[in-house]
């Protein structure tokens, strides 16, 4: 298995770590990789939160929507690094627990973790993409893949790295 596919598979269960504070007051938080379903649900929950406040998504509320969605995502990816249990039950808990600066620091750490363990078409370097393509071309049986779209190839790679449970 190529190094890239091994990283894809390892990333699904990898918990990153980020430390807030220093010395005796330092706190280590876990970072769980999010799935597409997490992003979808966070968007839906952010939209519902705006509606609950009587707001609709428009130019004036776009910043509130993005802030709410970011808090929704953080509530989903922040975990206890030892048990993988969520540490914030919802977006409100995230907003009440972290300053804006801490929120930004944690979000950046998550993006670095995601990039390291879950390479995708947006985080994959040209060199890594070339290596992946060369890996696929090595076997004559894979020449039929040359005609597939990039999205289909991505889906195939994800399926091979992490087959769905039966």
N, C-alpha and C. Protein backbone atom coordinates (compact mmCIF):
# COMPACT_ATOMS: atom_id res chain seq x y z
N UNK A 1 0.86 -1.18 0.00
CA UNK A 1 0.00 0.00 0.00
C UNK A 1 0.89 1.24 0.00
N UNK A 2 0.53 2.19 -0.79
CA UNK A 2 1.35 3.40 -0.87
C UNK A 2 1.29 4.16 0.46
N UNK A 3 2.29 4.99 0.65
CA UNK A 3 2.35 5.82 1.86
C UNK A 3 1.13 6.73 1.95
N UNK A 4 0.68 7.23 0.82
CA UNK A 4 -0.47 8.13 0.80
C UNK A 4 -1.74 7.42 1.26
N UNK A 5 -1.97 6.22 0.75
CA UNK A 5 -3.16 5.47 1.18
C UNK A 5 -3.06 5.07 2.64
N UNK A 6 -1.87 4.75 3.10
CA UNK A 6 -1.68 4.42 4.52
C UNK A 6 -2.02 5.62 5.39
N UNK A 7 -1.63 6.84 4.93
CA UNK A 7 -1.96 8.06 5.68
C UNK A 7 -3.46 8.31 5.69
N UNK A 8 -4.13 8.04 4.59
CA UNK A 8 -5.59 8.20 4.55
C UNK A 8 -6.26 7.31 5.57
N UNK A 9 -5.86 6.04 5.59
CA UNK A 9 -6.47 5.08 6.50
C UNK A 9 -6.15 5.41 7.96
N UNK A 10 -4.90 5.76 8.23
CA UNK A 10 -4.49 6.09 9.60
C UNK A 10 -5.21 7.32 10.11
N UNK A 11 -5.49 8.25 9.22
CA UNK A 11 -6.11 9.50 9.61
C UNK A 11 -7.49 9.35 10.19
N UNK A 12 -8.21 8.33 9.80
CA UNK A 12 -9.59 8.16 10.28
C UNK A 12 -9.66 7.97 11.79
N UNK A 13 -8.63 7.36 12.37
CA UNK A 13 -8.67 7.10 13.80
C UNK A 13 -7.65 7.93 14.57
N UNK A 14 -6.90 8.75 13.89
CA UNK A 14 -5.86 9.54 14.53
C UNK A 14 -6.47 10.71 15.30
N UNK A 15 -6.06 10.86 16.53
CA UNK A 15 -6.48 11.99 17.35
C UNK A 15 -5.28 12.91 17.50
N UNK A 16 -5.42 14.12 16.98
CA UNK A 16 -4.37 15.11 17.14
C UNK A 16 -4.44 15.72 18.52
N UNK A 17 -3.44 16.47 18.86
CA UNK A 17 -3.40 17.12 20.17
C UNK A 17 -2.99 18.57 20.00
N UNK A 18 -3.61 19.41 20.81
CA UNK A 18 -3.25 20.82 20.86
C UNK A 18 -3.24 21.22 22.33
N UNK A 19 -2.25 22.02 22.71
CA UNK A 19 -2.10 22.44 24.10
C UNK A 19 -2.43 23.92 24.22
N UNK A 20 -3.32 24.22 25.14
CA UNK A 20 -3.65 25.60 25.47
C UNK A 20 -3.00 25.93 26.80
N UNK A 21 -2.45 27.11 26.91
CA UNK A 21 -1.80 27.51 28.16
C UNK A 21 -0.41 26.93 28.28
N UNK A 22 0.21 27.18 29.43
CA UNK A 22 1.57 26.70 29.66
C UNK A 22 1.73 26.32 31.14
N UNK A 23 2.74 25.53 31.37
CA UNK A 23 3.06 25.15 32.75
C UNK A 23 1.95 24.33 33.38
N UNK A 24 1.68 24.63 34.66
CA UNK A 24 0.67 23.88 35.41
C UNK A 24 -0.74 24.11 34.91
N UNK A 25 -0.96 25.22 34.21
CA UNK A 25 -2.32 25.51 33.72
C UNK A 25 -2.54 25.00 32.29
N UNK A 26 -1.56 24.31 31.72
CA UNK A 26 -1.70 23.80 30.35
C UNK A 26 -2.78 22.73 30.28
N UNK A 27 -3.55 22.79 29.21
CA UNK A 27 -4.62 21.81 28.97
C UNK A 27 -4.41 21.24 27.58
N UNK A 28 -4.42 19.91 27.49
CA UNK A 28 -4.26 19.24 26.20
C UNK A 28 -5.64 18.82 25.70
N UNK A 29 -5.97 19.24 24.48
CA UNK A 29 -7.25 18.90 23.86
C UNK A 29 -6.99 17.95 22.70
N UNK A 30 -7.93 17.04 22.47
CA UNK A 30 -7.83 16.14 21.33
C UNK A 30 -8.58 16.70 20.13
N UNK A 31 -8.11 16.33 18.93
CA UNK A 31 -8.70 16.79 17.68
C UNK A 31 -9.08 15.58 16.84
N UNK A 32 -10.38 15.32 16.71
CA UNK A 32 -10.89 14.21 15.93
C UNK A 32 -11.14 14.67 14.50
N UNK A 33 -10.72 13.87 13.53
CA UNK A 33 -10.98 14.24 12.14
C UNK A 33 -12.47 14.17 11.84
N UNK A 34 -12.96 15.18 11.17
CA UNK A 34 -14.38 15.25 10.82
C UNK A 34 -14.65 14.56 9.49
N UNK A 35 -15.83 14.03 9.40
CA UNK A 35 -16.30 13.41 8.16
C UNK A 35 -17.18 14.40 7.42
N UNK A 36 -17.47 14.11 6.18
CA UNK A 36 -18.36 14.96 5.39
C UNK A 36 -19.70 15.14 6.08
N UNK A 37 -20.18 14.09 6.74
CA UNK A 37 -21.46 14.18 7.44
C UNK A 37 -21.40 15.18 8.60
N UNK A 38 -20.23 15.31 9.25
CA UNK A 38 -20.07 16.29 10.32
C UNK A 38 -20.20 17.71 9.77
N UNK A 39 -19.57 17.95 8.62
CA UNK A 39 -19.65 19.28 8.00
C UNK A 39 -21.08 19.61 7.59
N UNK A 40 -21.76 18.63 7.02
CA UNK A 40 -23.15 18.83 6.60
C UNK A 40 -24.03 19.16 7.80
N UNK A 41 -23.92 18.35 8.86
CA UNK A 41 -24.76 18.56 10.03
C UNK A 41 -24.43 19.89 10.72
N UNK A 42 -23.16 20.27 10.74
CA UNK A 42 -22.78 21.56 11.33
C UNK A 42 -23.44 22.71 10.57
N UNK A 43 -23.46 22.61 9.26
CA UNK A 43 -24.11 23.64 8.45
C UNK A 43 -25.61 23.69 8.71
N UNK A 44 -26.22 22.52 8.80
CA UNK A 44 -27.66 22.47 9.08
C UNK A 44 -27.97 23.05 10.47
N UNK A 45 -27.15 22.70 11.45
CA UNK A 45 -27.36 23.21 12.80
C UNK A 45 -27.12 24.71 12.89
N UNK A 46 -26.15 25.21 12.13
CA UNK A 46 -25.89 26.65 12.11
C UNK A 46 -27.09 27.39 11.50
N UNK A 47 -27.63 26.83 10.45
CA UNK A 47 -28.81 27.42 9.81
C UNK A 47 -29.99 27.41 10.77
N UNK A 48 -30.19 26.31 11.48
CA UNK A 48 -31.28 26.21 12.45
C UNK A 48 -31.10 27.21 13.59
N UNK A 49 -29.86 27.42 14.01
CA UNK A 49 -29.59 28.39 15.09
C UNK A 49 -29.96 29.80 14.66
N UNK A 50 -29.65 30.14 13.40
CA UNK A 50 -30.04 31.46 12.90
C UNK A 50 -31.56 31.59 12.87
N UNK A 51 -32.23 30.57 12.36
CA UNK A 51 -33.70 30.60 12.30
C UNK A 51 -34.31 30.72 13.68
N UNK A 52 -33.71 30.05 14.67
CA UNK A 52 -34.23 30.10 16.03
C UNK A 52 -34.16 31.51 16.61
N UNK A 53 -33.23 32.30 16.11
CA UNK A 53 -33.10 33.70 16.55
C UNK A 53 -33.87 34.65 15.65
N UNK A 54 -34.63 34.08 14.70
CA UNK A 54 -35.43 34.91 13.81
C UNK A 54 -34.64 35.51 12.66
N UNK A 55 -33.47 34.97 12.38
CA UNK A 55 -32.62 35.48 11.30
C UNK A 55 -32.68 34.55 10.10
N UNK A 56 -32.48 35.12 8.94
CA UNK A 56 -32.34 34.31 7.73
C UNK A 56 -30.93 34.52 7.20
N UNK A 57 -30.47 33.57 6.42
CA UNK A 57 -29.13 33.69 5.87
C UNK A 57 -29.14 34.71 4.74
N UNK A 58 -28.42 35.79 4.94
CA UNK A 58 -28.26 36.82 3.92
C UNK A 58 -26.92 37.51 4.13
N UNK A 59 -26.64 38.54 3.40
CA UNK A 59 -25.36 39.23 3.49
C UNK A 59 -25.11 39.73 4.91
N UNK A 60 -26.14 40.24 5.54
CA UNK A 60 -25.98 40.80 6.88
C UNK A 60 -25.72 39.75 7.94
N UNK A 61 -26.24 38.54 7.77
CA UNK A 61 -26.07 37.49 8.78
C UNK A 61 -24.98 36.48 8.41
N UNK A 62 -24.30 36.68 7.31
CA UNK A 62 -23.29 35.71 6.85
C UNK A 62 -22.19 35.49 7.89
N UNK A 63 -21.73 36.58 8.51
CA UNK A 63 -20.67 36.44 9.51
C UNK A 63 -21.15 35.65 10.73
N UNK A 64 -22.39 35.89 11.15
CA UNK A 64 -22.96 35.13 12.26
C UNK A 64 -23.08 33.65 11.91
N UNK A 65 -23.51 33.38 10.68
CA UNK A 65 -23.62 31.99 10.22
C UNK A 65 -22.26 31.30 10.26
N UNK A 66 -21.23 31.95 9.72
CA UNK A 66 -19.89 31.35 9.69
C UNK A 66 -19.34 31.14 11.09
N UNK A 67 -19.60 32.07 11.98
CA UNK A 67 -19.16 31.93 13.37
C UNK A 67 -19.86 30.76 14.04
N UNK A 68 -21.16 30.65 13.81
CA UNK A 68 -21.93 29.55 14.39
C UNK A 68 -21.48 28.20 13.82
N UNK A 69 -21.25 28.16 12.52
CA UNK A 69 -20.80 26.91 11.89
C UNK A 69 -19.43 26.50 12.43
N UNK A 70 -18.54 27.47 12.61
CA UNK A 70 -17.21 27.17 13.16
C UNK A 70 -17.33 26.60 14.57
N UNK A 71 -18.21 27.16 15.37
CA UNK A 71 -18.43 26.64 16.73
C UNK A 71 -19.05 25.25 16.68
N UNK A 72 -19.97 25.03 15.74
CA UNK A 72 -20.58 23.71 15.57
C UNK A 72 -19.52 22.67 15.22
N UNK A 73 -18.62 23.03 14.30
CA UNK A 73 -17.56 22.11 13.89
C UNK A 73 -16.61 21.83 15.05
N UNK A 74 -16.26 22.87 15.80
CA UNK A 74 -15.35 22.69 16.93
C UNK A 74 -15.96 21.78 17.99
N UNK A 75 -17.25 21.92 18.21
CA UNK A 75 -17.93 21.04 19.18
C UNK A 75 -17.82 19.58 18.75
N UNK A 76 -17.76 19.35 17.45
CA UNK A 76 -17.67 17.99 16.93
C UNK A 76 -16.24 17.44 16.92
N UNK A 77 -15.24 18.30 16.71
CA UNK A 77 -13.89 17.75 16.62
C UNK A 77 -13.10 17.79 17.93
N UNK A 78 -13.50 18.59 18.90
CA UNK A 78 -12.78 18.61 20.17
C UNK A 78 -13.15 17.41 21.02
N UNK A 79 -12.14 16.64 21.39
CA UNK A 79 -12.36 15.43 22.18
C UNK A 79 -11.32 15.33 23.29
N UNK A 80 -11.62 14.49 24.27
CA UNK A 80 -10.63 14.14 25.28
C UNK A 80 -9.57 13.30 24.56
N UNK A 81 -8.29 13.69 24.62
CA UNK A 81 -7.28 12.96 23.85
C UNK A 81 -7.07 11.51 24.33
N UNK A 82 -7.49 11.20 25.53
CA UNK A 82 -7.31 9.84 26.05
C UNK A 82 -8.48 8.92 25.78
N UNK A 83 -9.70 9.48 25.77
CA UNK A 83 -10.89 8.65 25.61
C UNK A 83 -11.62 8.86 24.28
N UNK A 84 -11.30 9.92 23.59
CA UNK A 84 -11.97 10.33 22.34
C UNK A 84 -13.41 10.78 22.55
N UNK A 85 -13.80 11.03 23.79
CA UNK A 85 -15.14 11.53 24.08
C UNK A 85 -15.20 13.03 23.80
N UNK A 86 -16.33 13.49 23.26
CA UNK A 86 -16.50 14.92 23.01
C UNK A 86 -16.39 15.68 24.32
N UNK A 87 -15.77 16.87 24.26
CA UNK A 87 -15.64 17.65 25.49
C UNK A 87 -16.61 18.83 25.53
N UNK A 88 -17.16 19.20 24.39
CA UNK A 88 -18.17 20.26 24.34
C UNK A 88 -19.43 19.67 23.74
N UNK A 89 -20.53 19.74 24.48
CA UNK A 89 -21.75 19.09 24.00
C UNK A 89 -22.38 19.80 22.81
N UNK A 90 -22.09 21.12 22.67
CA UNK A 90 -22.68 21.87 21.56
C UNK A 90 -21.90 23.16 21.31
N UNK A 91 -22.35 23.93 20.34
CA UNK A 91 -21.66 25.16 19.97
C UNK A 91 -21.69 26.18 21.10
N UNK A 92 -22.75 26.21 21.86
CA UNK A 92 -22.82 27.14 22.99
C UNK A 92 -21.70 26.85 23.98
N UNK A 93 -21.46 25.58 24.26
CA UNK A 93 -20.38 25.20 25.19
C UNK A 93 -19.02 25.64 24.65
N UNK A 94 -18.83 25.58 23.33
CA UNK A 94 -17.58 26.03 22.72
C UNK A 94 -17.42 27.53 22.94
N UNK A 95 -18.46 28.30 22.65
CA UNK A 95 -18.38 29.76 22.79
C UNK A 95 -18.13 30.16 24.25
N UNK A 96 -18.69 29.40 25.19
CA UNK A 96 -18.52 29.72 26.60
C UNK A 96 -17.17 29.27 27.15
N UNK A 97 -16.49 28.35 26.47
CA UNK A 97 -15.23 27.79 26.98
C UNK A 97 -13.98 28.48 26.46
N UNK A 98 -14.06 29.07 25.26
CA UNK A 98 -12.84 29.56 24.63
C UNK A 98 -12.95 31.03 24.22
N UNK A 99 -11.82 31.72 24.32
CA UNK A 99 -11.75 33.09 23.82
C UNK A 99 -11.66 33.03 22.30
N UNK A 100 -11.82 34.16 21.66
CA UNK A 100 -11.71 34.23 20.19
C UNK A 100 -10.31 33.81 19.75
N UNK A 101 -9.28 34.23 20.48
CA UNK A 101 -7.90 33.87 20.15
C UNK A 101 -7.69 32.36 20.30
N UNK A 102 -8.19 31.79 21.38
CA UNK A 102 -8.05 30.34 21.57
C UNK A 102 -8.80 29.58 20.47
N UNK A 103 -9.98 30.07 20.12
CA UNK A 103 -10.77 29.45 19.06
C UNK A 103 -9.97 29.40 17.76
N UNK A 104 -9.35 30.52 17.40
CA UNK A 104 -8.54 30.58 16.19
C UNK A 104 -7.33 29.66 16.25
N UNK A 105 -6.68 29.61 17.40
CA UNK A 105 -5.51 28.75 17.59
C UNK A 105 -5.90 27.28 17.45
N UNK A 106 -7.00 26.89 18.07
CA UNK A 106 -7.48 25.50 17.99
C UNK A 106 -7.88 25.15 16.56
N UNK A 107 -8.58 26.06 15.91
CA UNK A 107 -9.02 25.82 14.52
C UNK A 107 -7.81 25.61 13.61
N UNK A 108 -6.77 26.42 13.77
CA UNK A 108 -5.56 26.26 12.96
C UNK A 108 -4.89 24.92 13.23
N UNK A 109 -4.84 24.52 14.50
CA UNK A 109 -4.25 23.22 14.85
C UNK A 109 -5.05 22.09 14.22
N UNK A 110 -6.38 22.23 14.20
CA UNK A 110 -7.21 21.20 13.57
C UNK A 110 -6.90 21.10 12.07
N UNK A 111 -6.82 22.24 11.40
CA UNK A 111 -6.56 22.23 9.96
C UNK A 111 -5.20 21.58 9.64
N UNK A 112 -4.21 21.83 10.48
CA UNK A 112 -2.90 21.20 10.29
C UNK A 112 -3.00 19.69 10.50
N UNK A 113 -3.76 19.29 11.50
CA UNK A 113 -3.97 17.86 11.77
C UNK A 113 -4.68 17.20 10.60
N UNK A 114 -5.72 17.84 10.11
CA UNK A 114 -6.47 17.31 8.98
C UNK A 114 -5.57 17.18 7.75
N UNK A 115 -4.77 18.19 7.50
CA UNK A 115 -3.88 18.17 6.34
C UNK A 115 -2.86 17.04 6.44
N UNK A 116 -2.37 16.80 7.64
CA UNK A 116 -1.35 15.77 7.85
C UNK A 116 -1.91 14.36 7.69
N UNK A 117 -3.10 14.12 8.22
CA UNK A 117 -3.63 12.76 8.26
C UNK A 117 -4.75 12.48 7.28
N UNK A 118 -5.23 13.49 6.62
CA UNK A 118 -6.33 13.27 5.69
C UNK A 118 -6.07 14.04 4.41
N UNK A 119 -5.06 13.62 3.67
CA UNK A 119 -4.77 14.36 2.43
C UNK A 119 -5.95 14.32 1.47
N UNK A 120 -6.20 15.43 0.82
CA UNK A 120 -7.29 15.50 -0.14
C UNK A 120 -6.82 16.29 -1.34
N UNK A 121 -7.69 16.47 -2.30
CA UNK A 121 -7.30 17.20 -3.50
C UNK A 121 -6.92 18.64 -3.17
N UNK A 122 -7.43 19.20 -2.06
CA UNK A 122 -7.08 20.58 -1.72
C UNK A 122 -5.83 20.68 -0.86
N UNK A 123 -5.40 19.57 -0.23
CA UNK A 123 -4.20 19.62 0.61
C UNK A 123 -3.04 18.82 0.04
N UNK A 124 -3.29 18.09 -1.02
CA UNK A 124 -2.27 17.24 -1.62
C UNK A 124 -1.32 18.07 -2.47
N UNK A 125 -0.03 17.92 -2.20
CA UNK A 125 0.95 18.66 -3.00
C UNK A 125 1.01 18.03 -4.39
N UNK A 126 1.51 18.79 -5.34
CA UNK A 126 1.66 18.28 -6.70
C UNK A 126 2.58 17.06 -6.72
N UNK A 127 3.61 17.09 -5.90
CA UNK A 127 4.55 15.97 -5.83
C UNK A 127 3.85 14.70 -5.32
N UNK A 128 3.05 14.84 -4.25
CA UNK A 128 2.32 13.68 -3.72
C UNK A 128 1.29 13.17 -4.72
N UNK A 129 0.64 14.08 -5.43
CA UNK A 129 -0.35 13.67 -6.42
C UNK A 129 0.34 12.91 -7.55
N UNK A 130 1.49 13.37 -7.96
CA UNK A 130 2.24 12.67 -9.01
C UNK A 130 2.63 11.27 -8.54
N UNK A 131 3.06 11.15 -7.29
CA UNK A 131 3.42 9.84 -6.74
C UNK A 131 2.20 8.91 -6.73
N UNK A 132 1.04 9.45 -6.35
CA UNK A 132 -0.17 8.64 -6.32
C UNK A 132 -0.53 8.16 -7.73
N UNK A 133 -0.45 9.05 -8.68
CA UNK A 133 -0.77 8.68 -10.06
C UNK A 133 0.21 7.63 -10.57
N UNK A 134 1.50 7.81 -10.28
CA UNK A 134 2.50 6.82 -10.69
C UNK A 134 2.22 5.46 -10.06
N UNK A 135 1.77 5.47 -8.80
CA UNK A 135 1.45 4.22 -8.10
C UNK A 135 0.31 3.49 -8.82
N UNK A 136 -0.70 4.25 -9.22
CA UNK A 136 -1.85 3.65 -9.91
C UNK A 136 -1.44 3.13 -11.29
N UNK A 137 -0.55 3.85 -11.97
CA UNK A 137 -0.14 3.45 -13.32
C UNK A 137 0.78 2.23 -13.34
N UNK A 138 1.40 1.88 -12.22
CA UNK A 138 2.36 0.77 -12.19
C UNK A 138 1.74 -0.55 -12.58
N UNK A 139 0.52 -0.78 -12.22
CA UNK A 139 -0.15 -2.05 -12.47
C UNK A 139 -0.99 -1.93 -13.74
N UNK A 140 -0.80 -2.86 -14.67
CA UNK A 140 -1.54 -2.82 -15.93
C UNK A 140 -3.05 -2.90 -15.71
N UNK A 141 -3.46 -3.55 -14.66
CA UNK A 141 -4.89 -3.69 -14.40
C UNK A 141 -5.56 -2.37 -14.05
N UNK A 142 -4.77 -1.36 -13.71
CA UNK A 142 -5.36 -0.07 -13.31
C UNK A 142 -5.40 0.94 -14.44
N UNK A 143 -5.01 0.57 -15.64
CA UNK A 143 -5.01 1.54 -16.74
C UNK A 143 -6.40 2.06 -17.05
N UNK A 144 -7.44 1.31 -16.72
CA UNK A 144 -8.81 1.78 -16.94
C UNK A 144 -9.13 2.99 -16.06
N UNK A 145 -8.38 3.19 -14.99
CA UNK A 145 -8.62 4.33 -14.10
C UNK A 145 -8.23 5.66 -14.75
N UNK A 146 -7.40 5.61 -15.77
CA UNK A 146 -6.93 6.84 -16.41
C UNK A 146 -8.08 7.66 -16.99
N UNK A 147 -9.20 7.05 -17.31
CA UNK A 147 -10.32 7.76 -17.93
C UNK A 147 -11.36 8.25 -16.93
N UNK A 148 -11.15 7.97 -15.66
CA UNK A 148 -12.12 8.38 -14.64
C UNK A 148 -11.92 9.84 -14.24
N UNK A 149 -12.99 10.46 -13.78
CA UNK A 149 -12.91 11.83 -13.30
C UNK A 149 -12.14 11.88 -11.99
N UNK A 150 -11.67 13.06 -11.63
CA UNK A 150 -10.91 13.20 -10.39
C UNK A 150 -11.77 12.90 -9.17
N UNK A 151 -13.04 13.28 -9.21
CA UNK A 151 -13.92 12.98 -8.08
C UNK A 151 -14.13 11.48 -7.92
N UNK A 152 -14.26 10.78 -9.05
CA UNK A 152 -14.43 9.34 -8.99
C UNK A 152 -13.16 8.67 -8.47
N UNK A 153 -12.01 9.15 -8.91
CA UNK A 153 -10.75 8.61 -8.41
C UNK A 153 -10.60 8.86 -6.91
N UNK A 154 -11.02 10.03 -6.47
CA UNK A 154 -10.96 10.33 -5.04
C UNK A 154 -11.85 9.37 -4.25
N UNK A 155 -13.06 9.17 -4.74
CA UNK A 155 -13.98 8.26 -4.07
C UNK A 155 -13.40 6.84 -4.04
N UNK A 156 -12.79 6.43 -5.12
CA UNK A 156 -12.17 5.11 -5.19
C UNK A 156 -11.03 4.99 -4.18
N UNK A 157 -10.18 6.00 -4.12
CA UNK A 157 -9.07 5.97 -3.17
C UNK A 157 -9.57 5.90 -1.74
N UNK A 158 -10.60 6.69 -1.42
CA UNK A 158 -11.16 6.65 -0.06
C UNK A 158 -11.77 5.30 0.25
N UNK A 159 -12.45 4.73 -0.73
CA UNK A 159 -13.06 3.42 -0.54
C UNK A 159 -12.00 2.36 -0.29
N UNK A 160 -10.92 2.41 -1.05
CA UNK A 160 -9.84 1.45 -0.88
C UNK A 160 -9.13 1.61 0.46
N UNK A 161 -8.97 2.85 0.90
CA UNK A 161 -8.29 3.12 2.16
C UNK A 161 -9.16 2.74 3.35
N UNK A 162 -10.45 3.00 3.25
CA UNK A 162 -11.38 2.76 4.36
C UNK A 162 -12.67 2.16 3.83
N UNK A 163 -12.67 0.86 3.57
CA UNK A 163 -13.89 0.24 3.03
C UNK A 163 -15.05 0.38 3.99
N UNK A 164 -16.25 0.61 3.47
CA UNK A 164 -17.41 0.74 4.36
C UNK A 164 -17.69 -0.58 5.07
N UNK A 165 -18.22 -0.49 6.26
CA UNK A 165 -18.57 -1.69 7.03
C UNK A 165 -19.77 -2.37 6.39
N UNK A 166 -19.76 -3.68 6.38
CA UNK A 166 -20.89 -4.43 5.79
C UNK A 166 -22.06 -4.48 6.72
